[in-house]
Amino acid sequence: MQPYVIKTQKLGLRPIREEDVKYLEEIDKDPVVKEYFPEGTLSRREIREFIQESLENHENKNLPCFVIFRLKDRRFVGEAYFDQLDSGEIKVGYLFHRQFWNRGYATEVLKALLNWAKKNIKAPYIIAYADKDNVASFRVMQKCGMRFYKEDHFLGMDCKFYRIRNR
């Protein structure tokens, strides 16, 4: 297994690879996990396209996508990524297997990603957003020092946006 680029107390993150479609299917095909995502669940083809776009973003913009594993048993727990919005803002996103919800993993990963971004991404802020009803995501963002800065209609949903100074 490729070494982890980011390690936390309980989790390891490594760059996504084409063969990781099997992992992403576990979460991207789950309607409960994808409840607050406007595109809903994804087909195998759509997951492959997401992986290809992620690989291109990493190569061309230094904005990686990671697969996340639990260190103690190497179980797949989720994905996390950076992306650039049309506005030029750099977004961080994350998605976890429902089996691993409510264990503090999202907070652990987001803190690690924000620290990694300070050293590796040249952007004044890192932002995150979620559907206005996704209270759990807002709590994670707040615990990691992100602050609410706007509401907007984005990707077909009413969202709240949070950000943190990066540089």
Foldseek 3Di string as FASTA:
>chain_A
DDAFPFDFPWKGKDFDDLVCLVVVLLQLQDQVQCVFPLVGHDDSVVSSVVSVVQVCCCVPPVKTKIFMATVVPRHTFWIKTWDADPVRAIEIDITTRPVPPPPCPLLRVVLRVLVVCLVGPPDQKYKYKTAPPPVVVVVSCVVSPWAWDDWDQPPNGIMTMTMDTRD
